[in-house]
Amino acid sequence: MQEDWDYYLCEIDGEQAGVFINLALHGHAPDVERRVSLRIATPLIAAEPGGLEESDETNADRLEDDLEETVLARMNALYVGRITHSGLREFFFYASGSQGMLEAVREVSRRHPEYKLEAGSAADPRWDQYLQVMYPAPEVLRSMKNQKVLNALREHGDELTQPREVEHWVHFASTEARHEFRKKVAGKGFAVRRELNDPNEESVERPFGLIIWRKETLDQQHIDRVTLELEALSQASGGHYECWESPVIA
């Protein structure tokens, strides 16, 4: 199973929470073989102010790794992520049933007696815990993807201080929809770099692509606003906003 772990902040029941989640599972959810949600929770030993982090993250990481390995070995359960809020950390898995869960928790507790673990399970054939509670909202997910691109640019020596030509990729089901979108973004200062036409247009959902560009600054808030606007404009024309690219300016 593919992995794409990421972290974001949100509110759950009016409280700030930190969610660490394997985003790659979204394309496979729900898993018909794993219809039971498992929850294993523990108070953090010494939560930092805000209750989202443990003062000794090394111990917390060891607990998480041990839980993942033990529950997988005993139950073939799939670890999907954790939620931390108010000094409480909750780990979530999906399995075919709950048999073996208490034994796995007792085993881990013996190795980590400093943590007080509690466990529970619930039928969740639609994976609501993962899809409805833990998975980020579309605008949050877009911002997370933007952050990954910005981090990649920084890793290549780009300080992100200079404006540059940023390309955006959008796809449509028809040439008419593409033309409609093209007119909308032209009024916002975007120019067309290239049109893309998939030769297998009859078997592709959106075979008509468009690469547009505009000179942009690349701070997080600005690129979030730009991509959110392009996403909304493309959806209004029946299209799908794919991604953006930037040259590295070192």
Protein backbone atom coordinates (compact mmCIF):
# COMPACT_ATOMS: atom_id res chain seq x y z
CA MET A 1 0.00 0.00 0.00
CA GLN A 2 1.33 3.43 -0.93
CA GLU A 3 2.17 5.99 1.73
CA ASP A 4 1.92 9.78 1.70
CA TRP A 5 2.05 10.99 5.29
CA ASP A 6 1.30 14.60 6.11
CA TYR A 7 0.20 16.74 9.04
CA TYR A 8 -2.26 19.59 9.37
CA LEU A 9 -4.07 21.60 12.04
CA CYS A 10 -7.85 21.87 12.28
CA GLU A 11 -10.73 22.14 14.75
CA ILE A 12 -12.59 19.09 16.02
CA ASP A 13 -15.59 19.70 18.28
CA GLY A 14 -14.44 23.28 18.80
CA GLU A 15 -10.91 22.35 19.88
CA GLN A 16 -7.65 22.72 17.96
CA ALA A 17 -6.35 19.38 16.80
CA GLY A 18 -3.34 18.08 14.91
CA VAL A 19 -3.99 15.34 12.35
CA PHE A 20 -1.23 13.08 11.01
CA ILE A 21 -2.66 11.03 8.15
CA ASN A 22 -1.69 8.76 5.26
CA LEU A 23 -3.27 10.67 2.36
CA ALA A 24 -2.45 7.90 -0.12
CA LEU A 25 -5.19 5.67 1.29
CA HIS A 26 -7.91 7.99 -0.01
CA GLY A 27 -7.88 6.38 -3.45
CA HIS A 28 -8.38 2.93 -1.89
CA ALA A 29 -11.03 3.81 0.70
CA PRO A 30 -13.13 2.11 1.82
CA ASP A 31 -11.28 -1.19 1.95
CA VAL A 32 -13.96 -3.88 1.78
CA GLU A 33 -11.69 -6.31 3.64
CA ARG A 34 -11.25 -3.93 6.58
CA ARG A 35 -14.64 -2.73 7.77
CA VAL A 36 -13.91 -2.11 11.47
CA SER A 37 -12.32 1.05 12.83
CA LEU A 38 -9.94 0.58 15.76
CA ARG A 39 -9.12 3.42 18.15
CA ILE A 40 -6.24 3.26 20.62
CA ALA A 41 -5.78 6.36 22.75
CA THR A 42 -3.49 7.64 25.48
CA PRO A 43 -2.98 10.88 27.38
CA LEU A 44 0.39 12.40 26.53
CA ILE A 45 2.80 12.15 29.46
CA ALA A 46 3.77 15.81 29.37
CA ALA A 47 1.86 17.72 26.73
CA GLU A 48 3.29 20.97 25.41
CA PRO A 49 1.14 24.13 25.72
CA GLY A 50 -1.85 23.68 23.44
CA GLY A 51 -1.92 19.93 24.02
CA LEU A 52 -0.81 18.95 20.52
CA GLU A 53 2.71 17.67 21.19
CA GLU A 54 4.55 15.54 23.72
CA SER A 55 7.52 17.17 25.46
CA ASP A 56 9.53 14.02 24.64
CA GLU A 57 8.52 13.21 21.07
CA THR A 58 11.08 10.39 20.90
CA ASN A 59 9.08 8.29 23.38
CA ALA A 60 5.82 9.15 21.63
CA ASP A 61 7.28 8.15 18.26
CA ARG A 62 8.46 4.82 19.69
CA LEU A 63 4.98 4.13 21.04
CA GLU A 64 3.43 4.92 17.66
CA ASP A 65 5.86 2.66 15.80
CA ASP A 66 5.31 -0.17 18.27
CA LEU A 67 1.53 0.12 18.01
CA GLU A 68 1.63 0.09 14.21
CA GLU A 69 3.92 -2.97 14.07
CA THR A 70 2.10 -4.94 16.77
CA VAL A 71 -1.44 -4.33 15.57
CA LEU A 72 -0.39 -5.13 12.02
CA ALA A 73 1.29 -8.37 13.11
CA ARG A 74 -1.59 -9.56 15.30
CA MET A 75 -4.58 -8.35 13.27
CA ASN A 76 -3.32 -7.38 9.81
CA ALA A 77 -4.75 -3.96 10.61
CA LEU A 78 -3.91 -0.91 8.53
CA TYR A 79 -2.69 2.19 10.36
CA VAL A 80 -4.31 5.32 8.85
CA GLY A 81 -3.17 8.07 11.20
CA ARG A 82 -3.59 9.84 14.50
CA ILE A 83 -5.38 12.81 16.02
CA THR A 84 -3.89 14.81 18.89
CA HIS A 85 -5.91 17.31 20.90
CA SER A 86 -6.10 18.54 24.50
CA GLY A 87 -3.18 16.36 25.55
CA LEU A 88 -4.81 13.20 24.17
CA ARG A 89 -3.38 11.20 21.26
CA GLU A 90 -5.68 8.83 19.33
CA PHE A 91 -4.33 6.25 16.87
CA PHE A 92 -6.69 4.84 14.23
CA PHE A 93 -6.54 1.55 12.33
CA TYR A 94 -8.83 -0.46 10.07
CA ALA A 95 -9.15 -4.23 10.38
CA SER A 96 -11.45 -7.08 9.39
CA GLY A 97 -12.58 -7.37 13.02
CA SER A 98 -11.62 -6.52 16.59
CA GLN A 99 -10.36 -9.93 17.69
CA GLY A 100 -6.82 -9.68 19.04
CA MET A 101 -7.01 -5.96 19.71
CA LEU A 102 -6.90 -6.12 23.51
CA GLU A 103 -4.01 -8.59 23.41
CA ALA A 104 -2.07 -6.26 21.09
CA VAL A 105 -2.70 -3.29 23.37
CA ARG A 106 -1.63 -5.24 26.47
CA GLU A 107 1.55 -6.31 24.69
CA VAL A 108 2.43 -2.72 23.78
CA SER A 109 1.51 -1.49 27.27
CA ARG A 110 4.02 -3.86 28.83
CA ARG A 111 6.77 -2.28 26.71
CA HIS A 112 5.58 1.28 27.35
CA PRO A 113 4.23 1.30 30.93
CA GLU A 114 4.50 5.09 31.11
CA TYR A 115 1.53 5.41 28.72
CA LYS A 116 -2.02 4.53 29.76
CA LEU A 117 -3.59 2.97 26.67
CA GLU A 118 -7.30 2.47 26.10
CA ALA A 119 -8.87 0.75 23.12
CA GLY A 120 -12.18 0.53 21.31
CA SER A 121 -13.65 -0.50 17.99
CA ALA A 122 -16.66 0.26 15.83
CA ALA A 123 -18.14 -0.98 12.58
CA ASP A 124 -17.19 1.53 9.90
CA PRO A 125 -17.69 -0.04 6.45
CA ARG A 126 -17.71 3.36 4.72
CA TRP A 127 -14.51 4.48 6.45
CA ASP A 128 -16.22 7.58 7.87
CA GLN A 129 -13.53 8.03 10.52
CA TYR A 130 -10.88 8.35 7.81
CA LEU A 131 -12.85 10.06 5.04
CA GLN A 132 -15.16 12.36 7.01
CA VAL A 133 -13.25 13.09 10.23
CA MET A 134 -9.55 12.82 9.43
CA TYR A 135 -9.16 13.57 5.73
CA PRO A 136 -8.51 17.29 5.12
CA ALA A 137 -11.08 19.58 3.49
CA PRO A 138 -10.34 20.39 -0.18
CA GLU A 139 -8.89 23.84 0.52
CA VAL A 140 -6.69 22.44 3.30
CA LEU A 141 -5.52 19.62 1.05
CA ARG A 142 -4.61 22.09 -1.69
CA SER A 143 -2.62 24.18 0.81
CA MET A 144 -0.79 21.04 1.97
CA LYS A 145 0.14 20.21 -1.62
CA ASN A 146 1.32 23.78 -2.15
CA GLN A 147 3.50 23.53 0.95
CA LYS A 148 5.16 20.38 -0.41
CA VAL A 149 6.11 22.18 -3.64
CA LEU A 150 7.44 25.18 -1.71
CA ASN A 151 9.49 22.88 0.51
CA ALA A 152 10.92 21.11 -2.55
CA LEU A 153 11.97 24.46 -4.02
CA ARG A 154 13.65 25.44 -0.73
CA GLU A 155 15.49 22.12 -0.65
CA HIS A 156 17.00 23.03 -4.03
CA GLY A 157 18.29 26.36 -2.71
CA ASP A 158 15.40 28.62 -3.72
CA GLU A 159 14.74 31.30 -1.09
CA LEU A 160 11.37 32.12 -2.73
CA THR A 161 12.05 35.86 -2.60
CA GLN A 162 12.01 36.55 -6.34
CA PRO A 163 8.85 36.69 -8.46
CA ARG A 164 8.90 34.22 -11.36
CA GLU A 165 6.74 32.70 -14.07
CA VAL A 166 4.55 30.06 -12.45
CA GLU A 167 2.73 27.53 -14.64
CA HIS A 168 -0.64 26.01 -13.79
CA TRP A 169 -2.07 22.83 -15.35
CA VAL A 170 -5.83 22.46 -15.90
CA HIS A 171 -7.85 19.80 -17.75
CA PHE A 172 -11.31 19.86 -19.35
CA ALA A 173 -13.86 17.49 -20.86
CA SER A 174 -14.40 19.65 -23.95
CA THR A 175 -12.68 22.31 -26.00
CA GLU A 176 -15.65 24.62 -25.33
CA ALA A 177 -15.09 24.39 -21.56
CA ARG A 178 -11.39 25.01 -22.05
CA HIS A 179 -12.10 28.10 -24.15
CA GLU A 180 -14.54 29.42 -21.53
CA PHE A 181 -11.93 29.03 -18.78
CA ARG A 182 -9.26 30.58 -20.99
CA LYS A 183 -11.32 33.75 -21.38
CA LYS A 184 -11.93 33.98 -17.63
CA VAL A 185 -8.28 33.74 -16.63
CA ALA A 186 -7.10 36.07 -19.39
CA GLY A 187 -8.89 38.85 -17.54
CA LYS A 188 -6.85 38.03 -14.46
CA GLY A 189 -3.49 38.39 -16.18
CA PHE A 190 -2.82 34.75 -17.11
CA ALA A 191 -1.35 33.87 -20.49
CA VAL A 192 -1.52 30.52 -22.27
CA ARG A 193 1.69 28.57 -22.48
CA ARG A 194 0.32 25.55 -24.33
CA GLU A 195 -2.79 23.55 -25.11
CA LEU A 196 -2.71 19.80 -24.46
CA ASN A 197 -4.85 17.35 -26.42
CA ASP A 198 -4.86 13.69 -25.40
CA PRO A 199 -5.04 11.48 -28.51
CA ASN A 200 -7.21 9.01 -26.55
CA GLU A 201 -9.91 11.60 -25.95
CA GLU A 202 -12.75 9.06 -26.12
CA SER A 203 -11.40 7.07 -23.16
CA VAL A 204 -10.08 9.96 -21.04
CA GLU A 205 -12.41 11.91 -18.76
CA ARG A 206 -10.76 15.29 -19.38
CA PRO A 207 -8.54 15.04 -22.47
CA PHE A 208 -8.24 18.76 -23.20
CA GLY A 209 -5.54 20.41 -21.11
CA LEU A 210 -4.26 23.92 -20.74
CA ILE A 211 -1.02 25.28 -19.28
CA ILE A 212 -1.34 28.90 -18.20
CA TRP A 213 1.22 31.12 -16.54
CA ARG A 214 1.57 34.39 -14.69
CA LYS A 215 4.38 36.07 -12.81
CA GLU A 216 3.85 35.30 -9.13
CA THR A 217 5.45 35.63 -5.72
CA LEU A 218 5.70 32.35 -3.88
CA ASP A 219 4.75 32.86 -0.26
CA GLN A 220 2.29 30.33 1.15
CA GLN A 221 -0.69 32.67 1.53
CA HIS A 222 -0.39 34.04 -2.00
CA ILE A 223 -0.07 30.71 -3.78
CA ASP A 224 -2.94 29.33 -1.68
CA ARG A 225 -5.18 32.20 -2.86
CA VAL A 226 -4.13 31.75 -6.50
CA THR A 227 -4.66 27.99 -6.59
CA LEU A 228 -7.97 28.23 -4.72
CA GLU A 229 -9.24 30.77 -7.26
CA LEU A 230 -8.08 28.72 -10.26
CA GLU A 231 -9.62 25.60 -8.77
CA ALA A 232 -12.97 27.36 -8.39
CA LEU A 233 -12.83 28.82 -11.92
CA SER A 234 -11.92 25.47 -13.46
CA GLN A 235 -14.73 23.68 -11.61
CA ALA A 236 -17.22 26.31 -12.80
CA SER A 237 -16.23 25.36 -16.35
CA GLY A 238 -16.41 21.64 -15.64
CA GLY A 239 -12.63 21.35 -15.46
CA HIS A 240 -10.08 20.03 -12.99
CA TYR A 241 -7.16 22.06 -11.64
CA GLU A 242 -4.18 19.73 -11.52
CA CYS A 243 -1.04 21.42 -10.19
CA TRP A 244 1.47 24.23 -10.53
CA GLU A 245 5.16 24.33 -11.34
CA SER A 246 7.92 26.85 -10.81
CA PRO A 247 11.54 27.07 -11.91
CA VAL A 248 14.15 26.98 -9.15
CA ILE A 249 15.78 30.38 -8.64
CA ALA A 250 18.83 29.75 -6.48
